[in-house]
C-alpha atoms as a PDB file:
ATOM      1  CA  UNK A   1    -152.513  21.557 196.595  1.00  0.00           C
ATOM      2  CA  UNK A   2    -155.275  23.390 194.778  1.00  0.00           C
ATOM      3  CA  UNK A   3    -158.270  25.092 196.375  1.00  0.00           C
ATOM      4  CA  UNK A   4    -160.684  22.528 194.924  1.00  0.00           C
ATOM      5  CA  UNK A   5    -159.108  19.742 196.999  1.00  0.00           C
ATOM      6  CA  UNK A   6    -159.066  21.886 200.153  1.00  0.00           C
ATOM      7  CA  UNK A   7    -162.761  22.637 199.630  1.00  0.00           C
ATOM      8  CA  UNK A   8    -163.420  18.905 199.290  1.00  0.00           C
ATOM      9  CA  UNK A   9    -161.568  18.219 202.586  1.00  0.00           C
ATOM     10  CA  UNK A  10    -163.758  20.830 204.292  1.00  0.00           C
ATOM     11  CA  UNK A  11    -166.904  19.400 202.722  1.00  0.00           C
ATOM     12  CA  UNK A  12    -166.050  15.915 203.999  1.00  0.00           C
ATOM     13  CA  UNK A  13    -165.253  17.302 207.455  1.00  0.00           C
ATOM     14  CA  UNK A  14    -168.681  18.960 207.651  1.00  0.00           C
ATOM     15  CA  UNK A  15    -170.385  15.776 206.487  1.00  0.00           C
ATOM     16  CA  UNK A  16    -168.474  13.696 209.044  1.00  0.00           C
ATOM     17  CA  UNK A  17    -169.866  15.926 211.831  1.00  0.00           C
ATOM     18  CA  UNK A  18    -173.425  15.604 210.528  1.00  0.00           C
ATOM     19  CA  UNK A  19    -175.755  12.827 211.744  1.00  0.00           C
ATOM     20  CA  UNK A  20    -175.454  10.917 208.445  1.00  0.00           C
ATOM     21  CA  UNK A  21    -171.644  10.600 208.683  1.00  0.00           C
ATOM     22  CA  UNK A  22    -169.285   9.389 205.979  1.00  0.00           C
ATOM     23  CA  UNK A  23    -169.338   6.256 203.870  1.00  0.00           C
ATOM     24  CA  UNK A  24    -166.273   4.013 203.765  1.00  0.00           C
ATOM     25  CA  UNK A  25    -165.303   5.421 200.363  1.00  0.00           C
ATOM     26  CA  UNK A  26    -165.581   8.987 201.650  1.00  0.00           C
ATOM     27  CA  UNK A  27    -163.526   8.123 204.731  1.00  0.00           C
ATOM     28  CA  UNK A  28    -160.783   6.709 202.506  1.00  0.00           C
ATOM     29  CA  UNK A  29    -160.963   9.775 200.237  1.00  0.00           C
ATOM     30  CA  UNK A  30    -160.709  12.091 203.248  1.00  0.00           C
ATOM     31  CA  UNK A  31    -157.654  10.215 204.557  1.00  0.00           C
ATOM     32  CA  UNK A  32    -155.920  10.421 201.172  1.00  0.00           C
ATOM     33  CA  UNK A  33    -156.693  14.142 200.810  1.00  0.00           C
ATOM     34  CA  UNK A  34    -155.481  14.864 204.337  1.00  0.00           C
ATOM     35  CA  UNK A  35    -152.224  13.005 203.680  1.00  0.00           C
ATOM     36  CA  UNK A  36    -151.702  14.949 200.451  1.00  0.00           C
ATOM     37  CA  UNK A  37    -152.386  18.225 202.305  1.00  0.00           C
ATOM     38  CA  UNK A  38    -149.940  17.432 205.120  1.00  0.00           C
ATOM     39  CA  UNK A  39    -147.274  16.404 202.594  1.00  0.00           C
ATOM     40  CA  UNK A  40    -147.766  19.688 200.717  1.00  0.00           C
ATOM     41  CA  UNK A  41    -147.480  21.775 203.903  1.00  0.00           C
ATOM     42  CA  UNK A  42    -144.379  19.915 205.084  1.00  0.00           C
ATOM     43  CA  UNK A  43    -142.793  20.215 201.640  1.00  0.00           C
ATOM     44  CA  UNK A  44    -143.425  23.935 201.617  1.00  0.00           C
ATOM     45  CA  UNK A  45    -141.977  24.343 205.108  1.00  0.00           C
ATOM     46  CA  UNK A  46    -138.894  22.287 204.214  1.00  0.00           C
ATOM     47  CA  UNK A  47    -138.341  24.407 201.106  1.00  0.00           C
ATOM     48  CA  UNK A  48    -138.611  27.577 203.145  1.00  0.00           C
ATOM     49  CA  UNK A  49    -136.180  26.316 205.788  1.00  0.00           C
ATOM     50  CA  UNK A  50    -133.721  25.198 203.099  1.00  0.00           C
ATOM     51  CA  UNK A  51    -133.447  28.844 202.047  1.00  0.00           C
ATOM     52  CA  UNK A  52    -133.159  30.297 205.559  1.00  0.00           C
ATOM     53  CA  UNK A  53    -129.905  31.694 206.878  1.00  0.00           C
ATOM     54  CA  UNK A  54    -128.820  32.725 210.363  1.00  0.00           C
ATOM     55  CA  UNK A  55    -126.560  35.742 210.840  1.00  0.00           C
ATOM     56  CA  UNK A  56    -123.922  35.596 213.570  1.00  0.00           C
ATOM     57  CA  UNK A  57    -122.564  38.503 215.586  1.00  0.00           C
ATOM     58  CA  UNK A  58    -120.047  39.377 212.851  1.00  0.00           C
ATOM     59  CA  UNK A  59    -122.703  39.546 210.140  1.00  0.00           C
ATOM     60  CA  UNK A  60    -121.769  36.232 208.496  1.00  0.00           C
ATOM     61  CA  UNK A  61    -124.592  34.157 207.064  1.00  0.00           C
ATOM     62  CA  UNK A  62    -124.859  30.451 207.928  1.00  0.00           C
ATOM     63  CA  UNK A  63    -127.359  27.983 206.495  1.00  0.00           C
ATOM     64  CA  UNK A  64    -129.669  26.293 208.945  1.00  0.00           C
ATOM     65  CA  UNK A  65    -128.551  22.777 209.799  1.00  0.00           C
ATOM     66  CA  UNK A  66    -130.612  19.796 210.767  1.00  0.00           C
ATOM     67  CA  UNK A  67    -130.682  19.034 214.452  1.00  0.00           C
ATOM     68  CA  UNK A  68    -127.680  16.907 215.368  1.00  0.00           C
ATOM     69  CA  UNK A  69    -125.444  18.036 212.490  1.00  0.00           C
END
């Protein structure tokens, strides 16, 4: 997600706290931008965890597994 979209999320958050509030269109835009931001953060975290290894006592590397595997 680029900085321009993050700035827009922050702008809408400030406007939502102001006495004038948000219009319906701005509320929908804010929801879409927030969803895109959360998806980007989760995607980044998943990518990082996919490349994470755990070392055991013997020095062997093991990939992280999903819970329950």
